[in-house]
Structures are given as C-alpha cells and as structure tokens.
Amino acid sequence: MNDTILIPFLFSLIAGLSTGLGSLAAFFIKDFKHRYLSLLLGFSAGVMIQISFVELLFSAVIETGFLTANIAFFLGIATIAAIAFFVLA
C-alpha cells in the first residue's frame, strides 16, 4: 500500500476504534444516572463543534488572513458564550 491510501486508512481505523472504545463505557457503568449521559453528550457535542470550527478557521485564514480570521473566531466564541450565559441565567 502506498502512502496515499495508507494514511487515510489509518486515520479511519483510529476513528472507528475510538468510537468503539467510547461505547464500551456504557457497558461498565452499573448505576446509570442521567447526569452521566448529559455530561458525555455535552462533551461529545463540544468536540464535534470544535472540530467544525477549527476546519472553518483554516479556510478563513487562507481567505482573509491570520489576524482577521482569529479575531472573528474568538469574537464568535465570546458571543456564543454571552448568549448561553443570558439564556441559562
């Protein structure tokens, strides 16, 4: 196998094994509480949103420049945090 096939295959394999490893946690939690589910779902949603934002940031850096893209990125994070603060307060 050449590198153009091997590297994406290894990344896919690692992602699949990580998903399987994460699902094993459900088998070892004896006393299920909704607090665990809320915590784990919130964490996984945060990771997925962060991955999406970082991929968008890379495209923005190429199109608008490093400083402008980072200022807009962190301004957006602060705006979302402020909205969440006011909604949850």
PDB file of N, CA and C in Angstrom:
ATOM      1  N   MET A   1       0.839  -1.189   0.000  1.00  0.00           N
ATOM      2  CA  MET A   1       0.000   0.000   0.000  1.00  0.00           C
ATOM      3  C   MET A   1       0.879   1.245   0.000  1.00  0.00           C
ATOM      4  N   ASN A   2       0.534   2.165  -0.844  1.00  0.00           N
ATOM      5  CA  ASN A   2       1.306   3.407  -0.844  1.00  0.00           C
ATOM      6  C   ASN A   2       0.723   4.377   0.185  1.00  0.00           C
ATOM      7  N   ASP A   3       1.438   5.484   0.395  1.00  0.00           N
ATOM      8  CA  ASP A   3       1.063   6.432   1.444  1.00  0.00           C
ATOM      9  C   ASP A   3      -0.270   7.127   1.193  1.00  0.00           C
ATOM     10  N   THR A   4      -0.669   7.266  -0.065  1.00  0.00           N
ATOM     11  CA  THR A   4      -1.923   7.960  -0.345  1.00  0.00           C
ATOM     12  C   THR A   4      -3.133   7.160   0.117  1.00  0.00           C
ATOM     13  N   ILE A   5      -2.995   5.878   0.260  1.00  0.00           N
ATOM     14  CA  ILE A   5      -4.090   5.035   0.752  1.00  0.00           C
ATOM     15  C   ILE A   5      -3.890   4.686   2.220  1.00  0.00           C
ATOM     16  N   LEU A   6      -2.665   4.466   2.630  1.00  0.00           N
ATOM     17  CA  LEU A   6      -2.374   4.001   3.981  1.00  0.00           C
ATOM     18  C   LEU A   6      -2.726   5.032   5.052  1.00  0.00           C
ATOM     19  N   ILE A   7      -2.376   6.284   4.853  1.00  0.00           N
ATOM     20  CA  ILE A   7      -2.621   7.312   5.874  1.00  0.00           C
ATOM     21  C   ILE A   7      -4.108   7.536   6.104  1.00  0.00           C
ATOM     22  N   PRO A   8      -4.940   7.740   5.059  1.00  0.00           N
ATOM     23  CA  PRO A   8      -6.378   7.871   5.321  1.00  0.00           C
ATOM     24  C   PRO A   8      -6.989   6.610   5.939  1.00  0.00           C
ATOM     25  N   PHE A   9      -6.495   5.453   5.537  1.00  0.00           N
ATOM     26  CA  PHE A   9      -6.985   4.206   6.128  1.00  0.00           C
ATOM     27  C   PHE A   9      -6.674   4.145   7.618  1.00  0.00           C
ATOM     28  N   LEU A  10      -5.467   4.526   8.005  1.00  0.00           N
ATOM     29  CA  LEU A  10      -5.096   4.508   9.421  1.00  0.00           C
ATOM     30  C   LEU A  10      -5.912   5.510  10.223  1.00  0.00           C
ATOM     31  N   PHE A  11      -6.160   6.708   9.669  1.00  0.00           N
ATOM     32  CA  PHE A  11      -6.990   7.683  10.370  1.00  0.00           C
ATOM     33  C   PHE A  11      -8.415   7.169  10.544  1.00  0.00           C
ATOM     34  N   SER A  12      -8.951   6.528   9.521  1.00  0.00           N
ATOM     35  CA  SER A  12     -10.296   5.961   9.620  1.00  0.00           C
ATOM     36  C   SER A  12     -10.341   4.835  10.644  1.00  0.00           C
ATOM     37  N   LEU A  13      -9.316   4.018  10.666  1.00  0.00           N
ATOM     38  CA  LEU A  13      -9.246   2.926  11.630  1.00  0.00           C
ATOM     39  C   LEU A  13      -9.166   3.459  13.055  1.00  0.00           C
ATOM     40  N   ILE A  14      -8.355   4.471  13.276  1.00  0.00           N
ATOM     41  CA  ILE A  14      -8.236   5.069  14.611  1.00  0.00           C
ATOM     42  C   ILE A  14      -9.558   5.689  15.040  1.00  0.00           C
ATOM     43  N   ALA A  15     -10.244   6.371  14.119  1.00  0.00           N
ATOM     44  CA  ALA A  15     -11.540   6.979  14.450  1.00  0.00           C
ATOM     45  C   ALA A  15     -12.564   5.905  14.800  1.00  0.00           C
ATOM     46  N   GLY A  16     -12.599   4.838  14.045  1.00  0.00           N
ATOM     47  CA  GLY A  16     -13.537   3.752  14.337  1.00  0.00           C
ATOM     48  C   GLY A  16     -13.242   3.065  15.653  1.00  0.00           C
ATOM     49  N   LEU A  17     -11.972   2.816  15.932  1.00  0.00           N
ATOM     50  CA  LEU A  17     -11.604   2.186  17.203  1.00  0.00           C
ATOM     51  C   LEU A  17     -11.887   3.107  18.384  1.00  0.00           C
ATOM     52  N   SER A  18     -11.713   4.402  18.200  1.00  0.00           N
ATOM     53  CA  SER A  18     -12.022   5.352  19.270  1.00  0.00           C
ATOM     54  C   SER A  18     -13.508   5.367  19.575  1.00  0.00           C
ATOM     55  N   THR A  19     -14.327   5.283  18.525  1.00  0.00           N
ATOM     56  CA  THR A  19     -15.770   5.230  18.728  1.00  0.00           C
ATOM     57  C   THR A  19     -16.155   3.974  19.490  1.00  0.00           C
ATOM     58  N   GLY A  20     -15.576   2.851  19.115  1.00  0.00           N
ATOM     59  CA  GLY A  20     -15.847   1.600  19.819  1.00  0.00           C
ATOM     60  C   GLY A  20     -15.380   1.636  21.261  1.00  0.00           C
ATOM     61  N   LEU A  21     -14.230   2.226  21.499  1.00  0.00           N
ATOM     62  CA  LEU A  21     -13.714   2.345  22.863  1.00  0.00           C
ATOM     63  C   LEU A  21     -14.613   3.237  23.708  1.00  0.00           C
ATOM     64  N   GLY A  22     -15.097   4.323  23.116  1.00  0.00           N
ATOM     65  CA  GLY A  22     -16.003   5.214  23.838  1.00  0.00           C
ATOM     66  C   GLY A  22     -17.322   4.539  24.176  1.00  0.00           C
ATOM     67  N   SER A  23     -17.806   3.671  23.290  1.00  0.00           N
ATOM     68  CA  SER A  23     -19.078   2.988  23.560  1.00  0.00           C
ATOM     69  C   SER A  23     -18.941   1.923  24.641  1.00  0.00           C
ATOM     70  N   LEU A  24     -17.739   1.472  24.910  1.00  0.00           N
ATOM     71  CA  LEU A  24     -17.537   0.486  25.971  1.00  0.00           C
ATOM     72  C   LEU A  24     -17.857   1.054  27.348  1.00  0.00           C
ATOM     73  N   ALA A  25     -17.805   2.367  27.486  1.00  0.00           N
ATOM     74  CA  ALA A  25     -18.111   2.994  28.769  1.00  0.00           C
ATOM     75  C   ALA A  25     -19.541   2.682  29.194  1.00  0.00           C
ATOM     76  N   ALA A  26     -20.442   2.504  28.240  1.00  0.00           N
ATOM     77  CA  ALA A  26     -21.841   2.205  28.560  1.00  0.00           C
ATOM     78  C   ALA A  26     -21.983   0.835  29.217  1.00  0.00           C
ATOM     79  N   PHE A  27     -21.107  -0.072  28.884  1.00  0.00           N
ATOM     80  CA  PHE A  27     -21.190  -1.418  29.462  1.00  0.00           C
ATOM     81  C   PHE A  27     -20.652  -1.484  30.889  1.00  0.00           C
ATOM     82  N   PHE A  28     -19.799  -0.564  31.255  1.00  0.00           N
ATOM     83  CA  PHE A  28     -19.168  -0.622  32.570  1.00  0.00           C
ATOM     84  C   PHE A  28     -19.808   0.288  33.613  1.00  0.00           C
ATOM     85  N   ILE A  29     -20.767   1.104  33.223  1.00  0.00           N
ATOM     86  CA  ILE A  29     -21.477   1.944  34.180  1.00  0.00           C
ATOM     87  C   ILE A  29     -22.641   1.132  34.739  1.00  0.00           C
ATOM     88  N   LYS A  30     -22.514   0.707  35.983  1.00  0.00           N
ATOM     89  CA  LYS A  30     -23.537  -0.147  36.600  1.00  0.00           C
ATOM     90  C   LYS A  30     -24.769   0.650  37.011  1.00  0.00           C
ATOM     91  N   ASP A  31     -24.544   1.757  37.685  1.00  0.00           N
ATOM     92  CA  ASP A  31     -25.650   2.570  38.188  1.00  0.00           C
ATOM     93  C   ASP A  31     -25.835   3.740  37.237  1.00  0.00           C
ATOM     94  N   PHE A  32     -26.727   3.580  36.255  1.00  0.00           N
ATOM     95  CA  PHE A  32     -26.914   4.608  35.230  1.00  0.00           C
ATOM     96  C   PHE A  32     -27.625   5.815  35.819  1.00  0.00           C
ATOM     97  N   LYS A  33     -27.045   6.963  35.597  1.00  0.00           N
ATOM     98  CA  LYS A  33     -27.661   8.222  36.005  1.00  0.00           C
ATOM     99  C   LYS A  33     -27.718   9.124  34.782  1.00  0.00           C
ATOM    100  N   HIS A  34     -28.765   9.915  34.691  1.00  0.00           N
ATOM    101  CA  HIS A  34     -28.892  10.829  33.565  1.00  0.00           C
ATOM    102  C   HIS A  34     -27.814  11.899  33.582  1.00  0.00           C
ATOM    103  N   ARG A  35     -27.225  12.124  34.725  1.00  0.00           N
ATOM    104  CA  ARG A  35     -26.134  13.094  34.824  1.00  0.00           C
ATOM    105  C   ARG A  35     -24.926  12.639  33.990  1.00  0.00           C
ATOM    106  N   TYR A  36     -24.638  11.318  34.001  1.00  0.00           N
ATOM    107  CA  TYR A  36     -23.539  10.792  33.189  1.00  0.00           C
ATOM    108  C   TYR A  36     -23.817  11.011  31.706  1.00  0.00           C
ATOM    109  N   LEU A  37     -25.041  10.680  31.303  1.00  0.00           N
ATOM    110  CA  LEU A  37     -25.407  10.834  29.903  1.00  0.00           C
ATOM    111  C   LEU A  37     -25.325  12.294  29.475  1.00  0.00           C
ATOM    112  N   SER A  38     -25.808  13.193  30.300  1.00  0.00           N
ATOM    113  CA  SER A  38     -25.752  14.617  29.977  1.00  0.00           C
ATOM    114  C   SER A  38     -24.318  15.089  29.846  1.00  0.00           C
ATOM    115  N   LEU A  39     -23.463  14.662  30.743  1.00  0.00           N
ATOM    116  CA  LEU A  39     -22.061  15.054  30.707  1.00  0.00           C
ATOM    117  C   LEU A  39     -21.383  14.541  29.443  1.00  0.00           C
ATOM    118  N   LEU A  40     -21.564  13.261  29.137  1.00  0.00           N
ATOM    119  CA  LEU A  40     -20.902  12.674  27.980  1.00  0.00           C
ATOM    120  C   LEU A  40     -21.442  13.233  26.659  1.00  0.00           C
ATOM    121  N   LEU A  41     -22.745  13.464  26.571  1.00  0.00           N
ATOM    122  CA  LEU A  41     -23.307  14.041  25.357  1.00  0.00           C
ATOM    123  C   LEU A  41     -22.854  15.489  25.162  1.00  0.00           C
ATOM    124  N   GLY A  42     -22.775  16.231  26.249  1.00  0.00           N
ATOM    125  CA  GLY A  42     -22.278  17.600  26.162  1.00  0.00           C
ATOM    126  C   GLY A  42     -20.827  17.644  25.722  1.00  0.00           C
ATOM    127  N   PHE A  43     -20.029  16.727  26.246  1.00  0.00           N
ATOM    128  CA  PHE A  43     -18.622  16.668  25.852  1.00  0.00           C
ATOM    129  C   PHE A  43     -18.479  16.304  24.382  1.00  0.00           C
ATOM    130  N   SER A  44     -19.219  15.303  23.934  1.00  0.00           N
ATOM    131  CA  SER A  44     -19.097  14.887  22.532  1.00  0.00           C
ATOM    132  C   SER A  44     -19.606  15.972  21.584  1.00  0.00           C
ATOM    133  N   ALA A  45     -20.678  16.666  21.961  1.00  0.00           N
ATOM    134  CA  ALA A  45     -21.162  17.767  21.123  1.00  0.00           C
ATOM    135  C   ALA A  45     -20.131  18.885  21.063  1.00  0.00           C
ATOM    136  N   GLY A  46     -19.493  19.190  22.170  1.00  0.00           N
ATOM    137  CA  GLY A  46     -18.459  20.220  22.191  1.00  0.00           C
ATOM    138  C   GLY A  46     -17.271  19.862  21.319  1.00  0.00           C
ATOM    139  N   VAL A  47     -16.880  18.603  21.331  1.00  0.00           N
ATOM    140  CA  VAL A  47     -15.759  18.166  20.495  1.00  0.00           C
ATOM    141  C   VAL A  47     -16.115  18.295  19.015  1.00  0.00           C
ATOM    142  N   MET A  48     -17.309  17.881  18.640  1.00  0.00           N
ATOM    143  CA  MET A  48     -17.722  17.968  17.241  1.00  0.00           C
ATOM    144  C   MET A  48     -17.824  19.421  16.772  1.00  0.00           C
ATOM    145  N   ILE A  49     -18.353  20.285  17.610  1.00  0.00           N
ATOM    146  CA  ILE A  49     -18.439  21.703  17.248  1.00  0.00           C
ATOM    147  C   ILE A  49     -17.043  22.307  17.120  1.00  0.00           C
ATOM    148  N   GLN A  50     -16.145  21.945  18.012  1.00  0.00           N
ATOM    149  CA  GLN A  50     -14.780  22.465  17.958  1.00  0.00           C
ATOM    150  C   GLN A  50     -14.084  22.011  16.684  1.00  0.00           C
ATOM    151  N   ILE A  51     -14.274  20.773  16.285  1.00  0.00           N
ATOM    152  CA  ILE A  51     -13.662  20.274  15.050  1.00  0.00           C
ATOM    153  C   ILE A  51     -14.186  21.047  13.847  1.00  0.00           C
ATOM    154  N   SER A  52     -15.486  21.285  13.829  1.00  0.00           N
ATOM    155  CA  SER A  52     -16.071  22.047  12.721  1.00  0.00           C
ATOM    156  C   SER A  52     -15.526  23.461  12.675  1.00  0.00           C
ATOM    157  N   PHE A  53     -15.438  24.115  13.822  1.00  0.00           N
ATOM    158  CA  PHE A  53     -14.942  25.490  13.859  1.00  0.00           C
ATOM    159  C   PHE A  53     -13.477  25.578  13.446  1.00  0.00           C
ATOM    160  N   VAL A  54     -12.676  24.625  13.855  1.00  0.00           N
ATOM    161  CA  VAL A  54     -11.259  24.679  13.501  1.00  0.00           C
ATOM    162  C   VAL A  54     -11.078  24.475  11.998  1.00  0.00           C
ATOM    163  N   GLU A  55     -11.894  23.602  11.393  1.00  0.00           N
ATOM    164  CA  GLU A  55     -11.805  23.442   9.944  1.00  0.00           C
ATOM    165  C   GLU A  55     -12.245  24.717   9.224  1.00  0.00           C
ATOM    166  N   LEU A  56     -13.275  25.386   9.740  1.00  0.00           N
ATOM    167  CA  LEU A  56     -13.695  26.650   9.153  1.00  0.00           C
ATOM    168  C   LEU A  56     -12.632  27.726   9.353  1.00  0.00           C
ATOM    169  N   LEU A  57     -11.964  27.698  10.497  1.00  0.00           N
ATOM    170  CA  LEU A  57     -10.916  28.682  10.778  1.00  0.00           C
ATOM    171  C   LEU A  57      -9.775  28.552   9.783  1.00  0.00           C
ATOM    172  N   PHE A  58      -9.417  27.345   9.438  1.00  0.00           N
ATOM    173  CA  PHE A  58      -8.334  27.129   8.475  1.00  0.00           C
ATOM    174  C   PHE A  58      -8.676  27.754   7.124  1.00  0.00           C
ATOM    175  N   SER A  59      -9.910  27.563   6.669  1.00  0.00           N
ATOM    176  CA  SER A  59     -10.344  28.172   5.403  1.00  0.00           C
ATOM    177  C   SER A  59     -10.358  29.690   5.511  1.00  0.00           C
ATOM    178  N   ALA A  60     -10.785  30.220   6.648  1.00  0.00           N
ATOM    179  CA  ALA A  60     -10.843  31.669   6.832  1.00  0.00           C
ATOM    180  C   ALA A  60      -9.448  32.282   6.859  1.00  0.00           C
ATOM    181  N   VAL A  61      -8.487  31.595   7.441  1.00  0.00           N
ATOM    182  CA  VAL A  61      -7.111  32.112   7.485  1.00  0.00           C
ATOM    183  C   VAL A  61      -6.565  32.227   6.068  1.00  0.00           C
ATOM    184  N   ILE A  62      -6.870  31.259   5.233  1.00  0.00           N
ATOM    185  CA  ILE A  62      -6.386  31.300   3.852  1.00  0.00           C
ATOM    186  C   ILE A  62      -7.038  32.460   3.088  1.00  0.00           C
ATOM    187  N   GLU A  63      -8.344  32.673   3.309  1.00  0.00           N
ATOM    188  CA  GLU A  63      -9.065  33.686   2.536  1.00  0.00           C
ATOM    189  C   GLU A  63      -8.887  35.111   3.064  1.00  0.00           C
ATOM    190  N   THR A  64      -8.897  35.305   4.399  1.00  0.00           N
ATOM    191  CA  THR A  64      -8.893  36.666   4.930  1.00  0.00           C
ATOM    192  C   THR A  64      -7.613  37.053   5.657  1.00  0.00           C
ATOM    193  N   GLY A  65      -6.791  36.115   5.993  1.00  0.00           N
ATOM    194  CA  GLY A  65      -5.568  36.416   6.729  1.00  0.00           C
ATOM    195  C   GLY A  65      -5.665  35.919   8.169  1.00  0.00           C
ATOM    196  N   PHE A  66      -4.510  35.743   8.773  1.00  0.00           N
ATOM    197  CA  PHE A  66      -4.431  35.132  10.100  1.00  0.00           C
ATOM    198  C   PHE A  66      -5.092  35.985  11.175  1.00  0.00           C
ATOM    199  N   LEU A  67      -4.744  37.248  11.250  1.00  0.00           N
ATOM    200  CA  LEU A  67      -5.233  38.113  12.323  1.00  0.00           C
ATOM    201  C   LEU A  67      -6.748  38.320  12.231  1.00  0.00           C
ATOM    202  N   THR A  68      -7.248  38.622  11.057  1.00  0.00           N
ATOM    203  CA  THR A  68      -8.686  38.856  10.884  1.00  0.00           C
ATOM    204  C   THR A  68      -9.489  37.603  11.217  1.00  0.00           C
ATOM    205  N   ALA A  69      -9.030  36.461  10.746  1.00  0.00           N
ATOM    206  CA  ALA A  69      -9.745  35.206  10.991  1.00  0.00           C
ATOM    207  C   ALA A  69      -9.769  34.865  12.478  1.00  0.00           C
ATOM    208  N   ASN A  70      -8.655  35.059  13.164  1.00  0.00           N
ATOM    209  CA  ASN A  70      -8.615  34.737  14.592  1.00  0.00           C
ATOM    210  C   ASN A  70      -9.433  35.701  15.429  1.00  0.00           C
ATOM    211  N   ILE A  71      -9.428  36.965  15.078  1.00  0.00           N
ATOM    212  CA  ILE A  71     -10.251  37.928  15.818  1.00  0.00           C
ATOM    213  C   ILE A  71     -11.727  37.578  15.663  1.00  0.00           C
ATOM    214  N   ALA A  72     -12.145  37.293  14.431  1.00  0.00           N
ATOM    215  CA  ALA A  72     -13.542  36.932  14.192  1.00  0.00           C
ATOM    216  C   ALA A  72     -13.896  35.616  14.878  1.00  0.00           C
ATOM    217  N   PHE A  73     -12.977  34.660  14.874  1.00  0.00           N
ATOM    218  CA  PHE A  73     -13.205  33.352  15.502  1.00  0.00           C
ATOM    219  C   PHE A  73     -13.457  33.504  17.004  1.00  0.00           C
ATOM    220  N   PHE A  74     -12.574  34.229  17.681  1.00  0.00           N
ATOM    221  CA  PHE A  74     -12.715  34.367  19.127  1.00  0.00           C
ATOM    222  C   PHE A  74     -13.842  35.327  19.513  1.00  0.00           C
ATOM    223  N   LEU A  75     -14.142  36.265  18.657  1.00  0.00           N
ATOM    224  CA  LEU A  75     -15.301  37.125  18.879  1.00  0.00           C
ATOM    225  C   LEU A  75     -16.596  36.306  18.785  1.00  0.00           C
ATOM    226  N   GLY A  76     -16.629  35.375  17.859  1.00  0.00           N
ATOM    227  CA  GLY A  76     -17.772  34.479  17.744  1.00  0.00           C
ATOM    228  C   GLY A  76     -17.924  33.579  18.957  1.00  0.00           C
ATOM    229  N   ILE A  77     -16.811  33.074  19.477  1.00  0.00           N
ATOM    230  CA  ILE A  77     -16.856  32.248  20.687  1.00  0.00           C
ATOM    231  C   ILE A  77     -17.372  33.058  21.870  1.00  0.00           C
ATOM    232  N   ALA A  78     -16.902  34.296  21.999  1.00  0.00           N
ATOM    233  CA  ALA A  78     -17.359  35.150  23.098  1.00  0.00           C
ATOM    234  C   ALA A  78     -18.845  35.467  22.962  1.00  0.00           C
ATOM    235  N   THR A  79     -19.310  35.681  21.747  1.00  0.00           N
ATOM    236  CA  THR A  79     -20.734  35.959  21.520  1.00  0.00           C
ATOM    237  C   THR A  79     -21.590  34.766  21.911  1.00  0.00           C
ATOM    238  N   ILE A  80     -21.181  33.583  21.506  1.00  0.00           N
ATOM    239  CA  ILE A  80     -21.932  32.373  21.851  1.00  0.00           C
ATOM    240  C   ILE A  80     -21.923  32.158  23.365  1.00  0.00           C
ATOM    241  N   ALA A  81     -20.797  32.415  24.015  1.00  0.00           N
ATOM    242  CA  ALA A  81     -20.725  32.271  25.480  1.00  0.00           C
ATOM    243  C   ALA A  81     -21.646  33.266  26.165  1.00  0.00           C
ATOM    244  N   ALA A  82     -21.705  34.501  25.657  1.00  0.00           N
ATOM    245  CA  ALA A  82     -22.595  35.511  26.253  1.00  0.00           C
ATOM    246  C   ALA A  82     -24.058  35.125  26.067  1.00  0.00           C
ATOM    247  N   ILE A  83     -24.408  34.641  24.894  1.00  0.00           N
ATOM    248  CA  ILE A  83     -25.789  34.193  24.656  1.00  0.00           C
ATOM    249  C   ILE A  83     -26.145  33.051  25.598  1.00  0.00           C
ATOM    250  N   ALA A  84     -25.235  32.089  25.745  1.00  0.00           N
ATOM    251  CA  ALA A  84     -25.501  30.955  26.639  1.00  0.00           C
ATOM    252  C   ALA A  84     -25.644  31.429  28.088  1.00  0.00           C
ATOM    253  N   PHE A  85     -24.824  32.418  28.471  1.00  0.00           N
ATOM    254  CA  PHE A  85     -24.895  32.930  29.828  1.00  0.00           C
ATOM    255  C   PHE A  85     -26.261  33.555  30.085  1.00  0.00           C
ATOM    256  N   PHE A  86     -26.748  34.370  29.143  1.00  0.00           N
ATOM    257  CA  PHE A  86     -28.026  35.048  29.344  1.00  0.00           C
ATOM    258  C   PHE A  86     -29.207  34.096  29.244  1.00  0.00           C
ATOM    259  N   VAL A  87     -29.104  33.073  28.421  1.00  0.00           N
ATOM    260  CA  VAL A  87     -30.200  32.112  28.284  1.00  0.00           C
ATOM    261  C   VAL A  87     -30.290  31.217  29.517  1.00  0.00           C
ATOM    262  N   LEU A  88     -29.162  30.821  30.047  1.00  0.00           N
ATOM    263  CA  LEU A  88     -29.140  29.890  31.189  1.00  0.00           C
ATOM    264  C   LEU A  88     -29.261  30.600  32.533  1.00  0.00           C
ATOM    265  N   ALA A  89     -29.100  31.900  32.556  1.00  0.00           N
ATOM    266  CA  ALA A  89     -29.142  32.631  33.839  1.00  0.00           C
ATOM    267  C   ALA A  89     -30.554  32.829  34.317  1.00  0.00           C
TER     268      ALA A  89
END
